[in-house]
Full PDB file with SEQRES, HELIX, SHEET, SSBOND, CRYST1, ORIGX, SCALE, CONECT and MASTER records, all heavy atoms in Angstrom:
SEQRES   1 A   34  GLN ALA HIS ALA ARG ILE LEU ASP GLY THR SER HIS VAL          
SEQRES   2 A   34  ALA PRO VAL LEU PRO LEU ARG PHE GLY ALA VAL VAL SER          
SEQRES   3 A   34  ASP ARG ASP ALA VAL VAL ASN GLU                              
HELIX    1 AA1 ALA A    2  SER A   11  1                                  10    
HELIX    2 AA2 ARG A   28  ASN A   33  1                                   6    
CRYST1    1.000    1.000    1.000  90.00  90.00  90.00 P 1           1          
ORIGX1      1.000000  0.000000  0.000000        0.00000                         
ORIGX2      0.000000  1.000000  0.000000        0.00000                         
ORIGX3      0.000000  0.000000  1.000000        0.00000                         
SCALE1      1.000000  0.000000  0.000000        0.00000                         
SCALE2      0.000000  1.000000  0.000000        0.00000                         
SCALE3      0.000000  0.000000  1.000000        0.00000                         
ATOM      1  N   GLN A   1     -38.919  42.850  20.017  1.00  0.00           N  
ATOM      2  CA  GLN A   1     -39.325  41.485  20.354  1.00  0.00           C  
ATOM      3  C   GLN A   1     -39.095  40.552  19.132  1.00  0.00           C  
ATOM      4  O   GLN A   1     -38.637  39.445  19.269  1.00  0.00           O  
ATOM      5  CB  GLN A   1     -40.779  41.453  20.697  1.00  0.00           C  
ATOM      6  CG  GLN A   1     -41.062  42.129  22.038  1.00  0.00           C  
ATOM      7  CD  GLN A   1     -42.531  42.419  22.291  1.00  0.00           C  
ATOM      8  OE1 GLN A   1     -43.377  41.895  21.547  1.00  0.00           O  
ATOM      9  NE2 GLN A   1     -42.797  43.157  23.318  1.00  0.00           N  
ATOM     10  N   ALA A   2     -39.376  41.058  17.923  1.00  0.00           N  
ATOM     11  CA  ALA A   2     -39.161  40.244  16.676  1.00  0.00           C  
ATOM     12  C   ALA A   2     -37.638  39.949  16.553  1.00  0.00           C  
ATOM     13  O   ALA A   2     -37.247  38.866  16.190  1.00  0.00           O  
ATOM     14  CB  ALA A   2     -39.666  40.942  15.482  1.00  0.00           C  
ATOM     15  N   HIS A   3     -36.806  40.962  16.727  1.00  0.00           N  
ATOM     16  CA  HIS A   3     -35.387  40.726  16.649  1.00  0.00           C  
ATOM     17  C   HIS A   3     -34.873  39.665  17.586  1.00  0.00           C  
ATOM     18  O   HIS A   3     -34.159  38.743  17.198  1.00  0.00           O  
ATOM     19  CB  HIS A   3     -34.657  42.141  17.007  1.00  0.00           C  
ATOM     20  CG  HIS A   3     -33.230  42.134  16.928  1.00  0.00           C  
ATOM     21  ND1 HIS A   3     -32.518  42.337  15.807  1.00  0.00           N  
ATOM     22  CD2 HIS A   3     -32.275  41.848  17.893  1.00  0.00           C  
ATOM     23  CE1 HIS A   3     -31.172  42.256  16.037  1.00  0.00           C  
ATOM     24  NE2 HIS A   3     -31.061  41.942  17.375  1.00  0.00           N  
ATOM     25  N   ALA A   4     -35.376  39.786  18.870  1.00  0.00           N  
ATOM     26  CA  ALA A   4     -34.907  38.767  19.848  1.00  0.00           C  
ATOM     27  C   ALA A   4     -35.516  37.379  19.520  1.00  0.00           C  
ATOM     28  O   ALA A   4     -34.873  36.394  19.723  1.00  0.00           O  
ATOM     29  CB  ALA A   4     -35.346  39.229  21.213  1.00  0.00           C  
ATOM     30  N   ARG A   5     -36.768  37.379  19.037  1.00  0.00           N  
ATOM     31  CA  ARG A   5     -37.436  36.105  18.789  1.00  0.00           C  
ATOM     32  C   ARG A   5     -36.669  35.285  17.720  1.00  0.00           C  
ATOM     33  O   ARG A   5     -36.456  34.080  17.854  1.00  0.00           O  
ATOM     34  CB  ARG A   5     -38.838  36.359  18.320  1.00  0.00           C  
ATOM     35  CG  ARG A   5     -39.667  35.098  18.113  1.00  0.00           C  
ATOM     36  CD  ARG A   5     -41.079  35.311  17.714  1.00  0.00           C  
ATOM     37  NE  ARG A   5     -41.181  35.973  16.413  1.00  0.00           N  
ATOM     38  CZ  ARG A   5     -41.562  37.214  16.178  1.00  0.00           C  
ATOM     39  NH1 ARG A   5     -41.884  38.000  17.166  1.00  0.00           N  
ATOM     40  NH2 ARG A   5     -41.620  37.691  14.968  1.00  0.00           N  
ATOM     41  N   ILE A   6     -36.208  35.960  16.680  1.00  0.00           N  
ATOM     42  CA  ILE A   6     -35.494  35.284  15.623  1.00  0.00           C  
ATOM     43  C   ILE A   6     -34.160  34.728  16.157  1.00  0.00           C  
ATOM     44  O   ILE A   6     -33.785  33.607  15.889  1.00  0.00           O  
ATOM     45  CB  ILE A   6     -35.254  36.223  14.419  1.00  0.00           C  
ATOM     46  CG1 ILE A   6     -36.592  36.606  13.757  1.00  0.00           C  
ATOM     47  CG2 ILE A   6     -34.305  35.619  13.429  1.00  0.00           C  
ATOM     48  CD1 ILE A   6     -37.380  35.413  13.234  1.00  0.00           C  
ATOM     49  N   LEU A   7     -33.421  35.543  16.874  1.00  0.00           N  
ATOM     50  CA  LEU A   7     -32.115  35.137  17.385  1.00  0.00           C  
ATOM     51  C   LEU A   7     -32.294  34.029  18.442  1.00  0.00           C  
ATOM     52  O   LEU A   7     -31.576  33.059  18.425  1.00  0.00           O  
ATOM     53  CB  LEU A   7     -31.376  36.355  18.007  1.00  0.00           C  
ATOM     54  CG  LEU A   7     -30.938  37.402  16.994  1.00  0.00           C  
ATOM     55  CD1 LEU A   7     -30.420  38.607  17.702  1.00  0.00           C  
ATOM     56  CD2 LEU A   7     -29.843  36.867  16.068  1.00  0.00           C  
ATOM     57  N   ASP A   8     -33.195  34.182  19.384  1.00  0.00           N  
ATOM     58  CA  ASP A   8     -33.366  33.208  20.428  1.00  0.00           C  
ATOM     59  C   ASP A   8     -33.904  31.881  19.859  1.00  0.00           C  
ATOM     60  O   ASP A   8     -33.497  30.808  20.320  1.00  0.00           O  
ATOM     61  CB  ASP A   8     -34.301  33.735  21.522  1.00  0.00           C  
ATOM     62  CG  ASP A   8     -33.721  34.924  22.245  1.00  0.00           C  
ATOM     63  OD1 ASP A   8     -32.542  35.134  22.129  1.00  0.00           O  
ATOM     64  OD2 ASP A   8     -34.488  35.559  22.993  1.00  0.00           O  
ATOM     65  N   GLY A   9     -34.785  31.947  18.890  1.00  0.00           N  
ATOM     66  CA  GLY A   9     -35.300  30.775  18.271  1.00  0.00           C  
ATOM     67  C   GLY A   9     -34.206  29.982  17.524  1.00  0.00           C  
ATOM     68  O   GLY A   9     -34.156  28.726  17.587  1.00  0.00           O  
ATOM     69  N   THR A  10     -33.309  30.738  16.884  1.00  0.00           N  
ATOM     70  CA  THR A  10     -32.206  30.116  16.232  1.00  0.00           C  
ATOM     71  C   THR A  10     -31.243  29.418  17.173  1.00  0.00           C  
ATOM     72  O   THR A  10     -30.693  28.360  16.863  1.00  0.00           O  
ATOM     73  CB  THR A  10     -31.454  31.153  15.357  1.00  0.00           C  
ATOM     74  OG1 THR A  10     -32.333  31.766  14.455  1.00  0.00           O  
ATOM     75  CG2 THR A  10     -30.309  30.524  14.593  1.00  0.00           C  
ATOM     76  N   SER A  11     -31.083  30.053  18.326  1.00  0.00           N  
ATOM     77  CA  SER A  11     -30.128  29.520  19.333  1.00  0.00           C  
ATOM     78  C   SER A  11     -30.540  28.158  19.837  1.00  0.00           C  
ATOM     79  O   SER A  11     -29.680  27.374  20.400  1.00  0.00           O  
ATOM     80  CB  SER A  11     -29.991  30.462  20.517  1.00  0.00           C  
ATOM     81  OG  SER A  11     -31.138  30.437  21.328  1.00  0.00           O  
ATOM     82  N   HIS A  12     -31.791  27.730  19.641  1.00  0.00           N  
ATOM     83  CA  HIS A  12     -32.205  26.412  20.048  1.00  0.00           C  
ATOM     84  C   HIS A  12     -31.636  25.338  19.144  1.00  0.00           C  
ATOM     85  O   HIS A  12     -31.560  24.172  19.618  1.00  0.00           O  
ATOM     86  CB  HIS A  12     -33.776  26.339  20.001  1.00  0.00           C  
ATOM     87  CG  HIS A  12     -34.457  27.159  21.023  1.00  0.00           C  
ATOM     88  ND1 HIS A  12     -35.704  26.933  21.536  1.00  0.00           N  
ATOM     89  CD2 HIS A  12     -34.024  28.279  21.704  1.00  0.00           C  
ATOM     90  CE1 HIS A  12     -36.040  27.761  22.415  1.00  0.00           C  
ATOM     91  NE2 HIS A  12     -35.020  28.586  22.542  1.00  0.00           N  
ATOM     92  N   VAL A  13     -31.280  25.671  17.920  1.00  0.00           N  
ATOM     93  CA  VAL A  13     -30.887  24.628  16.980  1.00  0.00           C  
ATOM     94  C   VAL A  13     -29.534  24.828  16.421  1.00  0.00           C  
ATOM     95  O   VAL A  13     -28.978  23.954  15.786  1.00  0.00           O  
ATOM     96  CB  VAL A  13     -31.929  24.577  15.799  1.00  0.00           C  
ATOM     97  CG1 VAL A  13     -33.309  24.200  16.317  1.00  0.00           C  
ATOM     98  CG2 VAL A  13     -32.020  25.928  15.055  1.00  0.00           C  
ATOM     99  N   ALA A  14     -28.901  26.048  16.583  1.00  0.00           N  
ATOM    100  CA  ALA A  14     -27.577  26.309  16.009  1.00  0.00           C  
ATOM    101  C   ALA A  14     -26.940  27.456  16.724  1.00  0.00           C  
ATOM    102  O   ALA A  14     -27.584  28.299  17.322  1.00  0.00           O  
ATOM    103  CB  ALA A  14     -27.741  26.638  14.485  1.00  0.00           C  
ATOM    104  N   PRO A  15     -25.582  27.556  16.645  1.00  0.00           N  
ATOM    105  CA  PRO A  15     -24.938  28.704  17.247  1.00  0.00           C  
ATOM    106  C   PRO A  15     -25.267  29.955  16.380  1.00  0.00           C  
ATOM    107  O   PRO A  15     -25.480  29.913  15.215  1.00  0.00           O  
ATOM    108  CB  PRO A  15     -23.448  28.394  17.057  1.00  0.00           C  
ATOM    109  CG  PRO A  15     -23.386  27.410  15.956  1.00  0.00           C  
ATOM    110  CD  PRO A  15     -24.682  26.618  16.056  1.00  0.00           C  
ATOM    111  N   VAL A  16     -25.374  31.095  17.108  1.00  0.00           N  
ATOM    112  CA  VAL A  16     -25.716  32.360  16.415  1.00  0.00           C  
ATOM    113  C   VAL A  16     -24.946  33.486  17.092  1.00  0.00           C  
ATOM    114  O   VAL A  16     -24.824  33.565  18.322  1.00  0.00           O  
ATOM    115  CB  VAL A  16     -27.243  32.589  16.538  1.00  0.00           C  
ATOM    116  CG1 VAL A  16     -27.741  32.587  17.985  1.00  0.00           C  
ATOM    117  CG2 VAL A  16     -27.639  33.891  15.842  1.00  0.00           C  
ATOM    118  N   LEU A  17     -24.448  34.389  16.224  1.00  0.00           N  
ATOM    119  CA  LEU A  17     -23.780  35.640  16.664  1.00  0.00           C  
ATOM    120  C   LEU A  17     -24.785  36.749  16.473  1.00  0.00           C  
ATOM    121  O   LEU A  17     -25.036  37.148  15.312  1.00  0.00           O  
ATOM    122  CB  LEU A  17     -22.547  35.872  15.898  1.00  0.00           C  
ATOM    123  CG  LEU A  17     -21.476  34.755  15.782  1.00  0.00           C  
ATOM    124  CD1 LEU A  17     -20.282  35.234  14.968  1.00  0.00           C  
ATOM    125  CD2 LEU A  17     -21.023  34.329  17.177  1.00  0.00           C  
ATOM    126  N   PRO A  18     -25.283  37.373  17.563  1.00  0.00           N  
ATOM    127  CA  PRO A  18     -26.335  38.375  17.358  1.00  0.00           C  
ATOM    128  C   PRO A  18     -25.717  39.684  16.964  1.00  0.00           C  
ATOM    129  O   PRO A  18     -24.596  40.009  17.384  1.00  0.00           O  
ATOM    130  CB  PRO A  18     -26.976  38.466  18.728  1.00  0.00           C  
ATOM    131  CG  PRO A  18     -25.916  38.008  19.694  1.00  0.00           C  
ATOM    132  CD  PRO A  18     -25.098  36.957  18.951  1.00  0.00           C  
ATOM    133  N   LEU A  19     -26.380  40.379  16.046  1.00  0.00           N  
ATOM    134  CA  LEU A  19     -26.113  41.801  15.818  1.00  0.00           C  
ATOM    135  C   LEU A  19     -26.952  42.676  16.688  1.00  0.00           C  
ATOM    136  O   LEU A  19     -28.055  42.246  17.059  1.00  0.00           O  
ATOM    137  CB  LEU A  19     -26.303  42.169  14.322  1.00  0.00           C  
ATOM    138  CG  LEU A  19     -25.087  41.967  13.405  1.00  0.00           C  
ATOM    139  CD1 LEU A  19     -24.815  40.509  13.157  1.00  0.00           C  
ATOM    140  CD2 LEU A  19     -25.289  42.718  12.073  1.00  0.00           C  
ATOM    141  N   ARG A  20     -26.459  43.816  17.026  1.00  0.00           N  
ATOM    142  CA  ARG A  20     -27.284  44.741  17.799  1.00  0.00           C  
ATOM    143  C   ARG A  20     -28.535  45.185  17.003  1.00  0.00           C  
ATOM    144  O   ARG A  20     -28.419  45.238  15.785  1.00  0.00           O  
ATOM    145  CB  ARG A  20     -26.503  45.951  18.202  1.00  0.00           C  
ATOM    146  CG  ARG A  20     -25.322  45.615  19.114  1.00  0.00           C  
ATOM    147  CD  ARG A  20     -24.708  46.851  19.788  1.00  0.00           C  
ATOM    148  NE  ARG A  20     -23.517  46.535  20.525  1.00  0.00           N  
ATOM    149  CZ  ARG A  20     -23.493  45.970  21.743  1.00  0.00           C  
ATOM    150  NH1 ARG A  20     -24.616  45.744  22.410  1.00  0.00           N  
ATOM    151  NH2 ARG A  20     -22.372  45.713  22.328  1.00  0.00           N  
ATOM    152  N   PHE A  21     -29.564  45.469  17.710  1.00  0.00           N  
ATOM    153  CA  PHE A  21     -30.788  45.828  17.050  1.00  0.00           C  
ATOM    154  C   PHE A  21     -30.580  47.079  16.184  1.00  0.00           C  
ATOM    155  O   PHE A  21     -29.877  48.005  16.542  1.00  0.00           O  
ATOM    156  CB  PHE A  21     -31.836  46.162  18.147  1.00  0.00           C  
ATOM    157  CG  PHE A  21     -33.158  46.724  17.535  1.00  0.00           C  
ATOM    158  CD1 PHE A  21     -34.106  45.799  17.057  1.00  0.00           C  
ATOM    159  CD2 PHE A  21     -33.450  48.058  17.445  1.00  0.00           C  
ATOM    160  CE1 PHE A  21     -35.293  46.235  16.482  1.00  0.00           C  
ATOM    161  CE2 PHE A  21     -34.603  48.534  16.885  1.00  0.00           C  
ATOM    162  CZ  PHE A  21     -35.524  47.609  16.387  1.00  0.00           C  
ATOM    163  N   GLY A  22     -31.105  47.019  14.925  1.00  0.00           N  
ATOM    164  CA  GLY A  22     -31.108  48.162  14.012  1.00  0.00           C  
ATOM    165  C   GLY A  22     -30.023  48.041  12.952  1.00  0.00           C  
ATOM    166  O   GLY A  22     -29.748  49.050  12.273  1.00  0.00           O  
ATOM    167  N   ALA A  23     -29.404  46.861  12.774  1.00  0.00           N  
ATOM    168  CA  ALA A  23     -28.347  46.749  11.739  1.00  0.00           C  
ATOM    169  C   ALA A  23     -29.023  46.652  10.320  1.00  0.00           C  
ATOM    170  O   ALA A  23     -29.727  45.730  10.046  1.00  0.00           O  
ATOM    171  CB  ALA A  23     -27.496  45.572  11.990  1.00  0.00           C  
ATOM    172  N   VAL A  24     -28.809  47.650   9.520  1.00  0.00           N  
ATOM    173  CA  VAL A  24     -29.463  47.738   8.209  1.00  0.00           C  
ATOM    174  C   VAL A  24     -28.357  48.054   7.135  1.00  0.00           C  
ATOM    175  O   VAL A  24     -27.478  48.866   7.370  1.00  0.00           O  
ATOM    176  CB  VAL A  24     -30.495  48.831   8.171  1.00  0.00           C  
ATOM    177  CG1 VAL A  24     -31.080  48.961   6.712  1.00  0.00           C  
ATOM    178  CG2 VAL A  24     -31.649  48.487   9.146  1.00  0.00           C  
ATOM    179  N   VAL A  25     -28.404  47.324   6.054  1.00  0.00           N  
ATOM    180  CA  VAL A  25     -27.516  47.620   4.909  1.00  0.00           C  
ATOM    181  C   VAL A  25     -28.346  47.802   3.625  1.00  0.00           C  
ATOM    182  O   VAL A  25     -29.557  47.521   3.626  1.00  0.00           O  
ATOM    183  CB  VAL A  25     -26.513  46.503   4.673  1.00  0.00           C  
ATOM    184  CG1 VAL A  25     -25.541  46.376   5.857  1.00  0.00           C  
ATOM    185  CG2 VAL A  25     -27.165  45.166   4.435  1.00  0.00           C  
ATOM    186  N   SER A  26     -27.695  48.251   2.593  1.00  0.00           N  
ATOM    187  CA  SER A  26     -28.450  48.662   1.372  1.00  0.00           C  
ATOM    188  C   SER A  26     -29.076  47.484   0.629  1.00  0.00           C  
ATOM    189  O   SER A  26     -30.149  47.561   0.109  1.00  0.00           O  
ATOM    190  CB  SER A  26     -27.529  49.499   0.448  1.00  0.00           C  
ATOM    191  OG  SER A  26     -26.401  48.666   0.118  1.00  0.00           O  
ATOM    192  N   ASP A  27     -28.336  46.380   0.518  1.00  0.00           N  
ATOM    193  CA  ASP A  27     -28.831  45.241  -0.266  1.00  0.00           C  
ATOM    194  C   ASP A  27     -28.079  43.971   0.141  1.00  0.00           C  
ATOM    195  O   ASP A  27     -27.205  43.997   0.984  1.00  0.00           O  
ATOM    196  CB  ASP A  27     -28.639  45.488  -1.765  1.00  0.00           C  
ATOM    197  CG  ASP A  27     -27.216  45.905  -2.193  1.00  0.00           C  
ATOM    198  OD1 ASP A  27     -26.247  45.373  -1.526  1.00  0.00           O  
ATOM    199  OD2 ASP A  27     -27.084  46.686  -3.097  1.00  0.00           O  
ATOM    200  N   ARG A  28     -28.398  42.867  -0.572  1.00  0.00           N  
ATOM    201  CA  ARG A  28     -27.782  41.560  -0.156  1.00  0.00           C  
ATOM    202  C   ARG A  28     -26.285  41.535  -0.436  1.00  0.00           C  
ATOM    203  O   ARG A  28     -25.519  40.841   0.184  1.00  0.00           O  
ATOM    204  CB  ARG A  28     -28.549  40.415  -0.885  1.00  0.00           C  
ATOM    205  CG  ARG A  28     -29.923  40.250  -0.312  1.00  0.00           C  
ATOM    206  CD  ARG A  28     -30.786  39.360  -1.223  1.00  0.00           C  
ATOM    207  NE  ARG A  28     -32.138  39.145  -0.710  1.00  0.00           N  
ATOM    208  CZ  ARG A  28     -33.076  40.109  -0.799  1.00  0.00           C  
ATOM    209  NH1 ARG A  28     -32.835  41.242  -1.451  1.00  0.00           N  
ATOM    210  NH2 ARG A  28     -34.319  39.870  -0.316  1.00  0.00           N  
ATOM    211  N   ASP A  29     -25.876  42.215  -1.547  1.00  0.00           N  
ATOM    212  CA  ASP A  29     -24.412  42.258  -1.860  1.00  0.00           C  
ATOM    213  C   ASP A  29     -23.675  42.933  -0.692  1.00  0.00           C  
ATOM    214  O   ASP A  29     -22.554  42.496  -0.409  1.00  0.00           O  
ATOM    215  CB  ASP A  29     -24.204  43.063  -3.163  1.00  0.00           C  
ATOM    216  CG  ASP A  29     -24.631  42.258  -4.413  1.00  0.00           C  
ATOM    217  OD1 ASP A  29     -24.759  41.036  -4.276  1.00  0.00           O  
ATOM    218  OD2 ASP A  29     -24.799  42.863  -5.436  1.00  0.00           O  
ATOM    219  N   ALA A  30     -24.263  43.936  -0.123  1.00  0.00           N  
ATOM    220  CA  ALA A  30     -23.619  44.635   0.993  1.00  0.00           C  
ATOM    221  C   ALA A  30     -23.506  43.698   2.205  1.00  0.00           C  
ATOM    222  O   ALA A  30     -22.545  43.759   3.002  1.00  0.00           O  
ATOM    223  CB  ALA A  30     -24.385  45.877   1.405  1.00  0.00           C  
ATOM    224  N   VAL A  31     -24.462  42.812   2.428  1.00  0.00           N  
ATOM    225  CA  VAL A  31     -24.401  41.805   3.475  1.00  0.00           C  
ATOM    226  C   VAL A  31     -23.200  41.022   3.299  1.00  0.00           C  
ATOM    227  O   VAL A  31     -22.401  40.728   4.258  1.00  0.00           O  
ATOM    228  CB  VAL A  31     -25.650  40.952   3.531  1.00  0.00           C  
ATOM    229  CG1 VAL A  31     -25.463  39.871   4.573  1.00  0.00           C  
ATOM    230  CG2 VAL A  31     -26.917  41.748   3.852  1.00  0.00           C  
ATOM    231  N   VAL A  32     -22.911  40.524   2.060  1.00  0.00           N  
ATOM    232  CA  VAL A  32     -21.779  39.727   1.736  1.00  0.00           C  
ATOM    233  C   VAL A  32     -20.446  40.514   1.911  1.00  0.00           C  
ATOM    234  O   VAL A  32     -19.555  40.103   2.570  1.00  0.00           O  
ATOM    235  CB  VAL A  32     -21.871  39.042   0.380  1.00  0.00           C  
ATOM    236  CG1 VAL A  32     -20.598  38.348  -0.025  1.00  0.00           C  
ATOM    237  CG2 VAL A  32     -23.034  38.095   0.261  1.00  0.00           C  
ATOM    238  N   ASN A  33     -20.456  41.676   1.193  1.00  0.00           N  
ATOM    239  CA  ASN A  33     -19.145  42.356   1.037  1.00  0.00           C  
ATOM    240  C   ASN A  33     -18.761  43.160   2.315  1.00  0.00           C  
ATOM    241  O   ASN A  33     -17.578  43.273   2.614  1.00  0.00           O  
ATOM    242  CB  ASN A  33     -19.286  43.341  -0.127  1.00  0.00           C  
ATOM    243  CG  ASN A  33     -19.456  42.631  -1.421  1.00  0.00           C  
ATOM    244  OD1 ASN A  33     -18.987  41.487  -1.641  1.00  0.00           O  
ATOM    245  ND2 ASN A  33     -20.169  43.218  -2.370  1.00  0.00           N  
ATOM    246  N   GLU A  34     -19.701  43.731   2.991  1.00  0.00           N  
ATOM    247  CA  GLU A  34     -19.431  44.611   4.110  1.00  0.00           C  
ATOM    248  C   GLU A  34     -19.501  43.881   5.443  1.00  0.00           C  
ATOM    249  O   GLU A  34     -19.101  44.438   6.484  1.00  0.00           O  
ATOM    250  CB  GLU A  34     -20.439  45.742   4.117  1.00  0.00           C  
ATOM    251  CG  GLU A  34     -20.394  46.640   2.891  1.00  0.00           C  
ATOM    252  CD  GLU A  34     -21.454  47.729   2.893  1.00  0.00           C  
ATOM    253  OE1 GLU A  34     -22.121  47.939   3.921  1.00  0.00           O  
ATOM    254  OE2 GLU A  34     -21.678  48.360   1.818  1.00  0.00           O  
TER     255      GLU A  34                                                      
MASTER        0    0    0    2    0    0    0    6  254    1    0    3          
END                                                                             
């Protein structure tokens, strides 16, 4: 529910590309690089 709430709430104000539930990376650098 939290995953959907963040994505759906964002869709009210901006375009959003959802990731499937459970997407986890090691750190913020990995978010950028990977």
